[in-house]
Amino acid sequence: MKKNGPVPLGDALKTFLEKSEVGERIEEAAVVPEWAERVGPAIAAVTTPVKVSRGTLIVAVRSSAWLMELKLMEREVMKRINVDRERGKIRAIRFVMAENAPPAAGGTAPEPPGQSPGKP
């Protein structure tokens, strides 16, 4: 029987992460800090990624108009956030209304595409 000797910590961690679901979850969670870069400034201004849980990204949205618009855009948003990701792909997005969310930078949230200010 072959006895294993000491292994560098980095190698041991890499092996552990590859064999466990922890590595996959870390990759999934990486979408949170990358959110604004992946979805663009208009969507980032009215949303906040909250958490990732087993492949589902929870995103708080600041207005009901944007909530409806983003639900319609869900496939496009999924493509944007999963581009160039081999591991930790997001399988679903759940958009939820943000409670007491501050307005976007500049004081007000931009209107969803196709809507004019002052129109419902």
PDB file of N, CA and C in Angstrom:
ATOM      1  N   MET A   1       0.839  -1.173   0.000  1.00  0.00           N
ATOM      2  CA  MET A   1       0.000   0.000   0.000  1.00  0.00           C
ATOM      3  C   MET A   1       0.888   1.242   0.000  1.00  0.00           C
ATOM      4  N   LYS A   2       0.597   2.151  -0.880  1.00  0.00           N
ATOM      5  CA  LYS A   2       1.394   3.367  -0.998  1.00  0.00           C
ATOM      6  C   LYS A   2       0.955   4.396   0.042  1.00  0.00           C
ATOM      7  N   LYS A   3       1.916   4.919   0.765  1.00  0.00           N
ATOM      8  CA  LYS A   3       1.617   5.930   1.773  1.00  0.00           C
ATOM      9  C   LYS A   3       1.800   7.316   1.150  1.00  0.00           C
ATOM     10  N   ASN A   4       0.802   8.155   1.327  1.00  0.00           N
ATOM     11  CA  ASN A   4       0.868   9.516   0.784  1.00  0.00           C
ATOM     12  C   ASN A   4       1.683  10.403   1.709  1.00  0.00           C
ATOM     13  N   GLY A   5       2.514  11.210   1.110  1.00  0.00           N
ATOM     14  CA  GLY A   5       3.308  12.158   1.878  1.00  0.00           C
ATOM     15  C   GLY A   5       2.597  13.493   1.941  1.00  0.00           C
ATOM     16  N   PRO A   6       3.270  14.480   2.473  1.00  0.00           N
ATOM     17  CA  PRO A   6       2.678  15.815   2.547  1.00  0.00           C
ATOM     18  C   PRO A   6       2.352  16.348   1.147  1.00  0.00           C
ATOM     19  N   VAL A   7       1.280  17.083   1.089  1.00  0.00           N
ATOM     20  CA  VAL A   7       0.820  17.684  -0.170  1.00  0.00           C
ATOM     21  C   VAL A   7       0.724  19.188   0.059  1.00  0.00           C
ATOM     22  N   PRO A   8       1.154  20.000  -0.897  1.00  0.00           N
ATOM     23  CA  PRO A   8       0.995  21.454  -0.730  1.00  0.00           C
ATOM     24  C   PRO A   8      -0.477  21.809  -0.500  1.00  0.00           C
ATOM     25  N   LEU A   9      -0.708  22.743   0.398  1.00  0.00           N
ATOM     26  CA  LEU A   9      -2.064  23.129   0.759  1.00  0.00           C
ATOM     27  C   LEU A   9      -2.885  23.550  -0.461  1.00  0.00           C
ATOM     28  N   GLY A  10      -2.291  24.312  -1.356  1.00  0.00           N
ATOM     29  CA  GLY A  10      -3.007  24.760  -2.558  1.00  0.00           C
ATOM     30  C   GLY A  10      -3.482  23.585  -3.396  1.00  0.00           C
ATOM     31  N   ASP A  11      -2.637  22.554  -3.536  1.00  0.00           N
ATOM     32  CA  ASP A  11      -3.020  21.367  -4.302  1.00  0.00           C
ATOM     33  C   ASP A  11      -4.149  20.605  -3.607  1.00  0.00           C
ATOM     34  N   ALA A  12      -4.048  20.500  -2.284  1.00  0.00           N
ATOM     35  CA  ALA A  12      -5.078  19.793  -1.522  1.00  0.00           C
ATOM     36  C   ALA A  12      -6.420  20.514  -1.639  1.00  0.00           C
ATOM     37  N   LEU A  13      -6.401  21.839  -1.531  1.00  0.00           N
ATOM     38  CA  LEU A  13      -7.639  22.610  -1.659  1.00  0.00           C
ATOM     39  C   LEU A  13      -8.230  22.487  -3.062  1.00  0.00           C
ATOM     40  N   LYS A  14      -7.382  22.560  -4.060  1.00  0.00           N
ATOM     41  CA  LYS A  14      -7.846  22.438  -5.447  1.00  0.00           C
ATOM     42  C   LYS A  14      -8.536  21.089  -5.651  1.00  0.00           C
ATOM     43  N   THR A  15      -7.926  20.026  -5.175  1.00  0.00           N
ATOM     44  CA  THR A  15      -8.508  18.689  -5.302  1.00  0.00           C
ATOM     45  C   THR A  15      -9.842  18.615  -4.567  1.00  0.00           C
ATOM     46  N   PHE A  16      -9.882  19.149  -3.359  1.00  0.00           N
ATOM     47  CA  PHE A  16     -11.121  19.143  -2.584  1.00  0.00           C
ATOM     48  C   PHE A  16     -12.232  19.891  -3.303  1.00  0.00           C
ATOM     49  N   LEU A  17     -11.937  21.096  -3.796  1.00  0.00           N
ATOM     50  CA  LEU A  17     -12.953  21.906  -4.466  1.00  0.00           C
ATOM     51  C   LEU A  17     -13.451  21.252  -5.745  1.00  0.00           C
ATOM     52  N   GLU A  18     -12.568  20.570  -6.457  1.00  0.00           N
ATOM     53  CA  GLU A  18     -12.970  19.883  -7.688  1.00  0.00           C
ATOM     54  C   GLU A  18     -13.887  18.702  -7.404  1.00  0.00           C
ATOM     55  N   LYS A  19     -13.676  18.031  -6.274  1.00  0.00           N
ATOM     56  CA  LYS A  19     -14.462  16.845  -5.952  1.00  0.00           C
ATOM     57  C   LYS A  19     -15.748  17.170  -5.201  1.00  0.00           C
ATOM     58  N   SER A  20     -15.828  18.308  -4.588  1.00  0.00           N
ATOM     59  CA  SER A  20     -17.001  18.659  -3.789  1.00  0.00           C
ATOM     60  C   SER A  20     -17.884  19.657  -4.529  1.00  0.00           C
ATOM     61  N   GLU A  21     -19.065  19.875  -4.000  1.00  0.00           N
ATOM     62  CA  GLU A  21     -19.962  20.884  -4.561  1.00  0.00           C
ATOM     63  C   GLU A  21     -19.552  22.290  -4.130  1.00  0.00           C
ATOM     64  N   VAL A  22     -18.653  22.402  -3.202  1.00  0.00           N
ATOM     65  CA  VAL A  22     -18.229  23.712  -2.713  1.00  0.00           C
ATOM     66  C   VAL A  22     -17.636  24.541  -3.846  1.00  0.00           C
ATOM     67  N   GLY A  23     -16.809  23.924  -4.674  1.00  0.00           N
ATOM     68  CA  GLY A  23     -16.213  24.641  -5.799  1.00  0.00           C
ATOM     69  C   GLY A  23     -17.267  25.177  -6.738  1.00  0.00           C
ATOM     70  N   GLU A  24     -18.285  24.375  -7.015  1.00  0.00           N
ATOM     71  CA  GLU A  24     -19.391  24.792  -7.887  1.00  0.00           C
ATOM     72  C   GLU A  24     -20.136  25.974  -7.274  1.00  0.00           C
ATOM     73  N   ARG A  25     -20.360  25.913  -5.988  1.00  0.00           N
ATOM     74  CA  ARG A  25     -21.090  26.998  -5.312  1.00  0.00           C
ATOM     75  C   ARG A  25     -20.274  28.292  -5.283  1.00  0.00           C
ATOM     76  N   ILE A  26     -18.969  28.163  -5.130  1.00  0.00           N
ATOM     77  CA  ILE A  26     -18.115  29.351  -5.161  1.00  0.00           C
ATOM     78  C   ILE A  26     -18.185  29.991  -6.541  1.00  0.00           C
ATOM     79  N   GLU A  27     -18.150  29.172  -7.575  1.00  0.00           N
ATOM     80  CA  GLU A  27     -18.253  29.688  -8.943  1.00  0.00           C
ATOM     81  C   GLU A  27     -19.613  30.362  -9.165  1.00  0.00           C
ATOM     82  N   GLU A  28     -20.684  29.764  -8.652  1.00  0.00           N
ATOM     83  CA  GLU A  28     -22.015  30.366  -8.771  1.00  0.00           C
ATOM     84  C   GLU A  28     -22.046  31.734  -8.091  1.00  0.00           C
ATOM     85  N   ALA A  29     -21.507  31.799  -6.893  1.00  0.00           N
ATOM     86  CA  ALA A  29     -21.543  33.039  -6.114  1.00  0.00           C
ATOM     87  C   ALA A  29     -20.749  34.159  -6.770  1.00  0.00           C
ATOM     88  N   ALA A  30     -19.812  33.818  -7.634  1.00  0.00           N
ATOM     89  CA  ALA A  30     -18.999  34.840  -8.307  1.00  0.00           C
ATOM     90  C   ALA A  30     -19.833  35.758  -9.181  1.00  0.00           C
ATOM     91  N   VAL A  31     -21.053  35.351  -9.521  1.00  0.00           N
ATOM     92  CA  VAL A  31     -21.905  36.194 -10.360  1.00  0.00           C
ATOM     93  C   VAL A  31     -22.341  37.465  -9.605  1.00  0.00           C
ATOM     94  N   VAL A  32     -22.396  37.402  -8.296  1.00  0.00           N
ATOM     95  CA  VAL A  32     -22.857  38.570  -7.523  1.00  0.00           C
ATOM     96  C   VAL A  32     -21.935  39.778  -7.724  1.00  0.00           C
ATOM     97  N   PRO A  33     -20.624  39.675  -7.497  1.00  0.00           N
ATOM     98  CA  PRO A  33     -19.786  40.857  -7.723  1.00  0.00           C
ATOM     99  C   PRO A  33     -19.632  41.219  -9.204  1.00  0.00           C
ATOM    100  N   GLU A  34     -19.930  40.292 -10.108  1.00  0.00           N
ATOM    101  CA  GLU A  34     -19.820  40.551 -11.546  1.00  0.00           C
ATOM    102  C   GLU A  34     -21.119  41.068 -12.150  1.00  0.00           C
ATOM    103  N   TRP A  35     -22.175  41.149 -11.378  1.00  0.00           N
ATOM    104  CA  TRP A  35     -23.515  41.468 -11.864  1.00  0.00           C
ATOM    105  C   TRP A  35     -23.554  42.710 -12.752  1.00  0.00           C
ATOM    106  N   ALA A  36     -23.099  43.836 -12.247  1.00  0.00           N
ATOM    107  CA  ALA A  36     -23.191  45.100 -12.995  1.00  0.00           C
ATOM    108  C   ALA A  36     -22.447  45.020 -14.323  1.00  0.00           C
ATOM    109  N   GLU A  37     -21.291  44.406 -14.315  1.00  0.00           N
ATOM    110  CA  GLU A  37     -20.485  44.273 -15.525  1.00  0.00           C
ATOM    111  C   GLU A  37     -21.195  43.399 -16.564  1.00  0.00           C
ATOM    112  N   ARG A  38     -21.870  42.369 -16.105  1.00  0.00           N
ATOM    113  CA  ARG A  38     -22.504  41.415 -17.025  1.00  0.00           C
ATOM    114  C   ARG A  38     -23.853  41.884 -17.549  1.00  0.00           C
ATOM    115  N   VAL A  39     -24.624  42.623 -16.750  1.00  0.00           N
ATOM    116  CA  VAL A  39     -25.967  43.018 -17.198  1.00  0.00           C
ATOM    117  C   VAL A  39     -26.032  44.427 -17.753  1.00  0.00           C
ATOM    118  N   GLY A  40     -25.021  45.230 -17.504  1.00  0.00           N
ATOM    119  CA  GLY A  40     -24.997  46.591 -18.023  1.00  0.00           C
ATOM    120  C   GLY A  40     -25.528  47.601 -17.023  1.00  0.00           C
ATOM    121  N   PRO A  41     -25.246  48.898 -17.285  1.00  0.00           N
ATOM    122  CA  PRO A  41     -25.568  49.945 -16.315  1.00  0.00           C
ATOM    123  C   PRO A  41     -27.065  50.182 -16.086  1.00  0.00           C
ATOM    124  N   ALA A  42     -27.895  50.046 -17.109  1.00  0.00           N
ATOM    125  CA  ALA A  42     -29.331  50.313 -16.932  1.00  0.00           C
ATOM    126  C   ALA A  42     -29.964  49.310 -15.974  1.00  0.00           C
ATOM    127  N   ILE A  43     -29.681  48.032 -16.178  1.00  0.00           N
ATOM    128  CA  ILE A  43     -30.245  47.002 -15.301  1.00  0.00           C
ATOM    129  C   ILE A  43     -29.588  47.060 -13.926  1.00  0.00           C
ATOM    130  N   ALA A  44     -28.290  47.266 -13.890  1.00  0.00           N
ATOM    131  CA  ALA A  44     -27.583  47.330 -12.606  1.00  0.00           C
ATOM    132  C   ALA A  44     -28.082  48.478 -11.738  1.00  0.00           C
ATOM    133  N   ALA A  45     -28.531  49.563 -12.358  1.00  0.00           N
ATOM    134  CA  ALA A  45     -28.997  50.731 -11.607  1.00  0.00           C
ATOM    135  C   ALA A  45     -30.289  50.465 -10.851  1.00  0.00           C
ATOM    136  N   VAL A  46     -31.049  49.464 -11.266  1.00  0.00           N
ATOM    137  CA  VAL A  46     -32.352  49.216 -10.634  1.00  0.00           C
ATOM    138  C   VAL A  46     -32.445  47.850  -9.973  1.00  0.00           C
ATOM    139  N   THR A  47     -31.319  47.150  -9.891  1.00  0.00           N
ATOM    140  CA  THR A  47     -31.327  45.810  -9.304  1.00  0.00           C
ATOM    141  C   THR A  47     -30.166  45.630  -8.337  1.00  0.00           C
ATOM    142  N   THR A  48     -30.316  44.651  -7.484  1.00  0.00           N
ATOM    143  CA  THR A  48     -29.245  44.253  -6.572  1.00  0.00           C
ATOM    144  C   THR A  48     -29.263  42.730  -6.467  1.00  0.00           C
ATOM    145  N   PRO A  49     -28.171  42.068  -6.877  1.00  0.00           N
ATOM    146  CA  PRO A  49     -28.139  40.623  -6.680  1.00  0.00           C
ATOM    147  C   PRO A  49     -28.038  40.346  -5.181  1.00  0.00           C
ATOM    148  N   VAL A  50     -28.899  39.486  -4.688  1.00  0.00           N
ATOM    149  CA  VAL A  50     -28.972  39.239  -3.253  1.00  0.00           C
ATOM    150  C   VAL A  50     -28.162  38.014  -2.846  1.00  0.00           C
ATOM    151  N   LYS A  51     -28.405  36.897  -3.524  1.00  0.00           N
ATOM    152  CA  LYS A  51     -27.690  35.668  -3.195  1.00  0.00           C
ATOM    153  C   LYS A  51     -27.892  34.642  -4.295  1.00  0.00           C
ATOM    154  N   VAL A  52     -27.078  33.601  -4.235  1.00  0.00           N
ATOM    155  CA  VAL A  52     -27.217  32.457  -5.124  1.00  0.00           C
ATOM    156  C   VAL A  52     -27.435  31.244  -4.243  1.00  0.00           C
ATOM    157  N   SER A  53     -28.437  30.463  -4.587  1.00  0.00           N
ATOM    158  CA  SER A  53     -28.732  29.263  -3.823  1.00  0.00           C
ATOM    159  C   SER A  53     -28.975  28.104  -4.778  1.00  0.00           C
ATOM    160  N   ARG A  54     -28.033  27.170  -4.810  1.00  0.00           N
ATOM    161  CA  ARG A  54     -28.139  25.969  -5.644  1.00  0.00           C
ATOM    162  C   ARG A  54     -28.528  26.275  -7.089  1.00  0.00           C
ATOM    163  N   GLY A  55     -27.816  27.221  -7.684  1.00  0.00           N
ATOM    164  CA  GLY A  55     -28.015  27.540  -9.095  1.00  0.00           C
ATOM    165  C   GLY A  55     -29.071  28.580  -9.382  1.00  0.00           C
ATOM    166  N   THR A  56     -29.762  29.063  -8.359  1.00  0.00           N
ATOM    167  CA  THR A  56     -30.787  30.092  -8.545  1.00  0.00           C
ATOM    168  C   THR A  56     -30.276  31.406  -7.984  1.00  0.00           C
ATOM    169  N   LEU A  57     -30.273  32.434  -8.825  1.00  0.00           N
ATOM    170  CA  LEU A  57     -29.837  33.772  -8.431  1.00  0.00           C
ATOM    171  C   LEU A  57     -31.062  34.575  -8.026  1.00  0.00           C
ATOM    172  N   ILE A  58     -31.038  35.136  -6.824  1.00  0.00           N
ATOM    173  CA  ILE A  58     -32.111  35.995  -6.336  1.00  0.00           C
ATOM    174  C   ILE A  58     -31.674  37.435  -6.573  1.00  0.00           C
ATOM    175  N   VAL A  59     -32.523  38.208  -7.257  1.00  0.00           N
ATOM    176  CA  VAL A  59     -32.201  39.593  -7.601  1.00  0.00           C
ATOM    177  C   VAL A  59     -33.331  40.497  -7.137  1.00  0.00           C
ATOM    178  N   ALA A  60     -32.990  41.490  -6.295  1.00  0.00           N
ATOM    179  CA  ALA A  60     -33.973  42.478  -5.844  1.00  0.00           C
ATOM    180  C   ALA A  60     -34.103  43.556  -6.917  1.00  0.00           C
ATOM    181  N   VAL A  61     -35.353  43.947  -7.191  1.00  0.00           N
ATOM    182  CA  VAL A  61     -35.657  44.946  -8.222  1.00  0.00           C
ATOM    183  C   VAL A  61     -36.389  46.100  -7.559  1.00  0.00           C
ATOM    184  N   ARG A  62     -36.056  47.335  -7.954  1.00  0.00           N
ATOM    185  CA  ARG A  62     -36.553  48.518  -7.265  1.00  0.00           C
ATOM    186  C   ARG A  62     -37.932  49.009  -7.697  1.00  0.00           C
ATOM    187  N   SER A  63     -38.486  48.515  -8.801  1.00  0.00           N
ATOM    188  CA  SER A  63     -39.827  48.961  -9.200  1.00  0.00           C
ATOM    189  C   SER A  63     -40.585  47.823  -9.858  1.00  0.00           C
ATOM    190  N   SER A  64     -41.909  47.883  -9.764  1.00  0.00           N
ATOM    191  CA  SER A  64     -42.722  46.821 -10.363  1.00  0.00           C
ATOM    192  C   SER A  64     -42.620  46.847 -11.883  1.00  0.00           C
ATOM    193  N   ALA A  65     -42.453  48.023 -12.481  1.00  0.00           N
ATOM    194  CA  ALA A  65     -42.296  48.104 -13.936  1.00  0.00           C
ATOM    195  C   ALA A  65     -41.032  47.359 -14.371  1.00  0.00           C
ATOM    196  N   TRP A  66     -39.944  47.607 -13.658  1.00  0.00           N
ATOM    197  CA  TRP A  66     -38.700  46.902 -13.992  1.00  0.00           C
ATOM    198  C   TRP A  66     -38.815  45.412 -13.684  1.00  0.00           C
ATOM    199  N   LEU A  67     -39.514  45.050 -12.629  1.00  0.00           N
ATOM    200  CA  LEU A  67     -39.693  43.641 -12.289  1.00  0.00           C
ATOM    201  C   LEU A  67     -40.348  42.902 -13.453  1.00  0.00           C
ATOM    202  N   MET A  68     -41.401  43.479 -13.996  1.00  0.00           N
ATOM    203  CA  MET A  68     -42.098  42.858 -15.125  1.00  0.00           C
ATOM    204  C   MET A  68     -41.197  42.806 -16.359  1.00  0.00           C
ATOM    205  N   GLU A  69     -40.485  43.881 -16.622  1.00  0.00           N
ATOM    206  CA  GLU A  69     -39.590  43.944 -17.785  1.00  0.00           C
ATOM    207  C   GLU A  69     -38.490  42.889 -17.671  1.00  0.00           C
ATOM    208  N   LEU A  70     -37.907  42.757 -16.502  1.00  0.00           N
ATOM    209  CA  LEU A  70     -36.820  41.794 -16.315  1.00  0.00           C
ATOM    210  C   LEU A  70     -37.309  40.354 -16.402  1.00  0.00           C
ATOM    211  N   LYS A  71     -38.530  40.105 -15.962  1.00  0.00           N
ATOM    212  CA  LYS A  71     -39.075  38.758 -16.124  1.00  0.00           C
ATOM    213  C   LYS A  71     -39.191  38.410 -17.603  1.00  0.00           C
ATOM    214  N   LEU A  72     -39.554  39.393 -18.427  1.00  0.00           N
ATOM    215  CA  LEU A  72     -39.626  39.174 -19.873  1.00  0.00           C
ATOM    216  C   LEU A  72     -38.240  39.001 -20.491  1.00  0.00           C
ATOM    217  N   MET A  73     -37.229  39.613 -19.877  1.00  0.00           N
ATOM    218  CA  MET A  73     -35.856  39.566 -20.387  1.00  0.00           C
ATOM    219  C   MET A  73     -35.028  38.444 -19.743  1.00  0.00           C
ATOM    220  N   GLU A  74     -35.650  37.590 -18.976  1.00  0.00           N
ATOM    221  CA  GLU A  74     -34.918  36.602 -18.173  1.00  0.00           C
ATOM    222  C   GLU A  74     -33.939  35.767 -18.996  1.00  0.00           C
ATOM    223  N   ARG A  75     -34.349  35.282 -20.149  1.00  0.00           N
ATOM    224  CA  ARG A  75     -33.437  34.457 -20.970  1.00  0.00           C
ATOM    225  C   ARG A  75     -32.203  35.238 -21.393  1.00  0.00           C
ATOM    226  N   GLU A  76     -32.393  36.484 -21.806  1.00  0.00           N
ATOM    227  CA  GLU A  76     -31.260  37.320 -22.228  1.00  0.00           C
ATOM    228  C   GLU A  76     -30.326  37.590 -21.048  1.00  0.00           C
ATOM    229  N   VAL A  77     -30.889  37.873 -19.892  1.00  0.00           N
ATOM    230  CA  VAL A  77     -30.075  38.119 -18.694  1.00  0.00           C
ATOM    231  C   VAL A  77     -29.294  36.850 -18.334  1.00  0.00           C
ATOM    232  N   MET A  78     -29.939  35.693 -18.431  1.00  0.00           N
ATOM    233  CA  MET A  78     -29.252  34.422 -18.144  1.00  0.00           C
ATOM    234  C   MET A  78     -28.068  34.232 -19.088  1.00  0.00           C
ATOM    235  N   LYS A  79     -28.260  34.528 -20.359  1.00  0.00           N
ATOM    236  CA  LYS A  79     -27.162  34.394 -21.320  1.00  0.00           C
ATOM    237  C   LYS A  79     -26.000  35.295 -20.934  1.00  0.00           C
ATOM    238  N   ARG A  80     -26.316  36.537 -20.570  1.00  0.00           N
ATOM    239  CA  ARG A  80     -25.265  37.497 -20.205  1.00  0.00           C
ATOM    240  C   ARG A  80     -24.465  37.045 -18.994  1.00  0.00           C
ATOM    241  N   ILE A  81     -25.145  36.545 -17.978  1.00  0.00           N
ATOM    242  CA  ILE A  81     -24.424  36.195 -16.751  1.00  0.00           C
ATOM    243  C   ILE A  81     -23.698  34.861 -16.855  1.00  0.00           C
ATOM    244  N   ASN A  82     -24.096  34.011 -17.795  1.00  0.00           N
ATOM    245  CA  ASN A  82     -23.438  32.710 -17.936  1.00  0.00           C
ATOM    246  C   ASN A  82     -22.381  32.664 -19.028  1.00  0.00           C
ATOM    247  N   VAL A  83     -22.222  33.741 -19.791  1.00  0.00           N
ATOM    248  CA  VAL A  83     -21.249  33.738 -20.872  1.00  0.00           C
ATOM    249  C   VAL A  83     -19.847  33.495 -20.307  1.00  0.00           C
ATOM    250  N   ASP A  84     -19.092  32.624 -20.953  1.00  0.00           N
ATOM    251  CA  ASP A  84     -17.718  32.281 -20.565  1.00  0.00           C
ATOM    252  C   ASP A  84     -17.615  31.567 -19.213  1.00  0.00           C
ATOM    253  N   ARG A  85     -18.689  31.020 -18.709  1.00  0.00           N
ATOM    254  CA  ARG A  85     -18.649  30.284 -17.441  1.00  0.00           C
ATOM    255  C   ARG A  85     -18.722  28.792 -17.744  1.00  0.00           C
ATOM    256  N   GLU A  86     -17.698  28.059 -17.355  1.00  0.00           N
ATOM    257  CA  GLU A  86     -17.725  26.611 -17.534  1.00  0.00           C
ATOM    258  C   GLU A  86     -18.358  25.915 -16.332  1.00  0.00           C
ATOM    259  N   ARG A  87     -18.052  26.424 -15.149  1.00  0.00           N
ATOM    260  CA  ARG A  87     -18.616  25.883 -13.910  1.00  0.00           C
ATOM    261  C   ARG A  87     -19.450  26.956 -13.250  1.00  0.00           C
ATOM    262  N   GLY A  88     -20.359  26.533 -12.399  1.00  0.00           N
ATOM    263  CA  GLY A  88     -21.139  27.478 -11.620  1.00  0.00           C
ATOM    264  C   GLY A  88     -22.133  28.283 -12.431  1.00  0.00           C
ATOM    265  N   LYS A  89     -22.674  27.687 -13.485  1.00  0.00           N
ATOM    266  CA  LYS A  89     -23.660  28.408 -14.287  1.00  0.00           C
ATOM    267  C   LYS A  89     -24.948  28.592 -13.488  1.00  0.00           C
ATOM    268  N   ILE A  90     -25.555  29.738 -13.683  1.00  0.00           N
ATOM    269  CA  ILE A  90     -26.835  30.031 -13.057  1.00  0.00           C
ATOM    270  C   ILE A  90     -27.918  29.351 -13.888  1.00  0.00           C
ATOM    271  N   ARG A  91     -28.775  28.587 -13.234  1.00  0.00           N
ATOM    272  CA  ARG A  91     -29.822  27.845 -13.943  1.00  0.00           C
ATOM    273  C   ARG A  91     -31.176  28.547 -13.899  1.00  0.00           C
ATOM    274  N   ALA A  92     -31.347  29.478 -12.940  1.00  0.00           N
ATOM    275  CA  ALA A  92     -32.619  30.200 -12.828  1.00  0.00           C
ATOM    276  C   ALA A  92     -32.368  31.536 -12.144  1.00  0.00           C
ATOM    277  N   ILE A  93     -33.214  32.497 -12.474  1.00  0.00           N
ATOM    278  CA  ILE A  93     -33.165  33.803 -11.811  1.00  0.00           C
ATOM    279  C   ILE A  93     -34.534  34.047 -11.210  1.00  0.00           C
ATOM    280  N   ARG A  94     -34.539  34.514  -9.984  1.00  0.00           N
ATOM    281  CA  ARG A  94     -35.796  34.883  -9.334  1.00  0.00           C
ATOM    282  C   ARG A  94     -35.731  36.372  -9.016  1.00  0.00           C
ATOM    283  N   PHE A  95     -36.535  37.148  -9.732  1.00  0.00           N
ATOM    284  CA  PHE A  95     -36.596  38.586  -9.495  1.00  0.00           C
ATOM    285  C   PHE A  95     -37.648  38.841  -8.424  1.00  0.00           C
ATOM    286  N   VAL A  96     -37.285  39.627  -7.409  1.00  0.00           N
ATOM    287  CA  VAL A  96     -38.196  39.942  -6.311  1.00  0.00           C
ATOM    288  C   VAL A  96     -38.193  41.449  -6.078  1.00  0.00           C
ATOM    289  N   MET A  97     -39.305  41.962  -5.582  1.00  0.00           N
ATOM    290  CA  MET A  97     -39.360  43.390  -5.270  1.00  0.00           C
ATOM    291  C   MET A  97     -38.469  43.699  -4.085  1.00  0.00           C
ATOM    292  N   ALA A  98     -37.685  44.742  -4.217  1.00  0.00           N
ATOM    293  CA  ALA A  98     -36.812  45.175  -3.124  1.00  0.00           C
ATOM    294  C   ALA A  98     -37.658  45.957  -2.135  1.00  0.00           C
ATOM    295  N   GLU A  99     -37.431  45.704  -0.867  1.00  0.00           N
ATOM    296  CA  GLU A  99     -38.131  46.454   0.172  1.00  0.00           C
ATOM    297  C   GLU A  99     -37.252  47.588   0.648  1.00  0.00           C
ATOM    298  N   ASN A 100     -37.788  48.788   0.635  1.00  0.00           N
ATOM    299  CA  ASN A 100     -37.077  49.972   1.113  1.00  0.00           C
ATOM    300  C   ASN A 100     -35.746  50.193   0.408  1.00  0.00           C
ATOM    301  N   ALA A 101     -35.675  49.842  -0.860  1.00  0.00           N
ATOM    302  CA  ALA A 101     -34.430  50.039  -1.603  1.00  0.00           C
ATOM    303  C   ALA A 101     -34.273  51.509  -1.942  1.00  0.00           C
ATOM    304  N   PRO A 102     -33.071  52.043  -1.788  1.00  0.00           N
ATOM    305  CA  PRO A 102     -32.850  53.438  -2.159  1.00  0.00           C
ATOM    306  C   PRO A 102     -32.938  53.582  -3.666  1.00  0.00           C
ATOM    307  N   PRO A 103     -33.273  54.771  -4.170  1.00  0.00           N
ATOM    308  CA  PRO A 103     -33.298  54.961  -5.612  1.00  0.00           C
ATOM    309  C   PRO A 103     -31.900  54.812  -6.192  1.00  0.00           C
ATOM    310  N   ALA A 104     -31.854  54.568  -7.476  1.00  0.00           N
ATOM    311  CA  ALA A 104     -30.573  54.432  -8.164  1.00  0.00           C
ATOM    312  C   ALA A 104     -29.797  55.734  -8.071  1.00  0.00           C
ATOM    313  N   ALA A 105     -28.502  55.656  -8.335  1.00  0.00           N
ATOM    314  CA  ALA A 105     -27.658  56.855  -8.332  1.00  0.00           C
ATOM    315  C   ALA A 105     -28.279  57.904  -9.239  1.00  0.00           C
ATOM    316  N   GLY A 106     -28.307  59.125  -8.813  1.00  0.00           N
ATOM    317  CA  GLY A 106     -28.919  60.187  -9.600  1.00  0.00           C
ATOM    318  C   GLY A 106     -30.309  60.525  -9.084  1.00  0.00           C
ATOM    319  N   GLY A 107     -30.814  59.761  -8.101  1.00  0.00           N
ATOM    320  CA  GLY A 107     -32.069  60.110  -7.466  1.00  0.00           C
ATOM    321  C   GLY A 107     -33.264  59.311  -7.932  1.00  0.00           C
ATOM    322  N   THR A 108     -33.336  58.913  -9.196  1.00  0.00           N
ATOM    323  CA  THR A 108     -34.472  58.141  -9.670  1.00  0.00           C
ATOM    324  C   THR A 108     -33.990  56.997 -10.540  1.00  0.00           C
ATOM    325  N   ALA A 109     -34.787  55.970 -10.574  1.00  0.00           N
ATOM    326  CA  ALA A 109     -34.448  54.815 -11.411  1.00  0.00           C
ATOM    327  C   ALA A 109     -34.825  55.118 -12.849  1.00  0.00           C
ATOM    328  N   PRO A 110     -34.026  54.657 -13.803  1.00  0.00           N
ATOM    329  CA  PRO A 110     -34.385  54.854 -15.200  1.00  0.00           C
ATOM    330  C   PRO A 110     -35.642  54.077 -15.547  1.00  0.00           C
ATOM    331  N   GLU A 111     -36.369  54.552 -16.536  1.00  0.00           N
ATOM    332  CA  GLU A 111     -37.557  53.861 -16.999  1.00  0.00           C
ATOM    333  C   GLU A 111     -37.161  52.590 -17.738  1.00  0.00           C
ATOM    334  N   PRO A 112     -37.978  51.534 -17.639  1.00  0.00           N
ATOM    335  CA  PRO A 112     -37.689  50.329 -18.420  1.00  0.00           C
ATOM    336  C   PRO A 112     -37.724  50.649 -19.899  1.00  0.00           C
ATOM    337  N   PRO A 113     -37.034  49.879 -20.725  1.00  0.00           N
ATOM    338  CA  PRO A 113     -37.065  50.115 -22.163  1.00  0.00           C
ATOM    339  C   PRO A 113     -38.503  50.131 -22.679  1.00  0.00           C
ATOM    340  N   GLY A 114     -38.782  51.037 -23.581  1.00  0.00           N
ATOM    341  CA  GLY A 114     -40.111  51.102 -24.181  1.00  0.00           C
ATOM    342  C   GLY A 114     -41.103  51.918 -23.386  1.00  0.00           C
ATOM    343  N   GLN A 115     -40.706  52.469 -22.246  1.00  0.00           N
ATOM    344  CA  GLN A 115     -41.607  53.300 -21.463  1.00  0.00           C
ATOM    345  C   GLN A 115     -41.105  54.714 -21.423  1.00  0.00           C
ATOM    346  N   SER A 116     -42.026  55.634 -21.448  1.00  0.00           N
ATOM    347  CA  SER A 116     -41.675  57.051 -21.358  1.00  0.00           C
ATOM    348  C   SER A 116     -41.976  57.541 -19.963  1.00  0.00           C
ATOM    349  N   PRO A 117     -41.208  58.521 -19.468  1.00  0.00           N
ATOM    350  CA  PRO A 117     -41.507  59.071 -18.157  1.00  0.00           C
ATOM    351  C   PRO A 117     -42.940  59.590 -18.118  1.00  0.00           C
ATOM    352  N   GLY A 118     -43.618  59.318 -17.017  1.00  0.00           N
ATOM    353  CA  GLY A 118     -44.978  59.807 -16.839  1.00  0.00           C
ATOM    354  C   GLY A 118     -46.020  58.855 -17.341  1.00  0.00           C
ATOM    355  N   LYS A 119     -45.661  57.809 -18.076  1.00  0.00           N
ATOM    356  CA  LYS A 119     -46.626  56.824 -18.536  1.00  0.00           C
ATOM    357  C   LYS A 119     -46.567  55.627 -17.604  1.00  0.00           C
ATOM    358  N   PRO A 120     -47.725  55.038 -17.269  1.00  0.00           N
ATOM    359  CA  PRO A 120     -47.740  53.868 -16.380  1.00  0.00           C
ATOM    360  C   PRO A 120     -47.150  52.645 -17.022  1.00  0.00           C
TER     361      PRO A 120
END
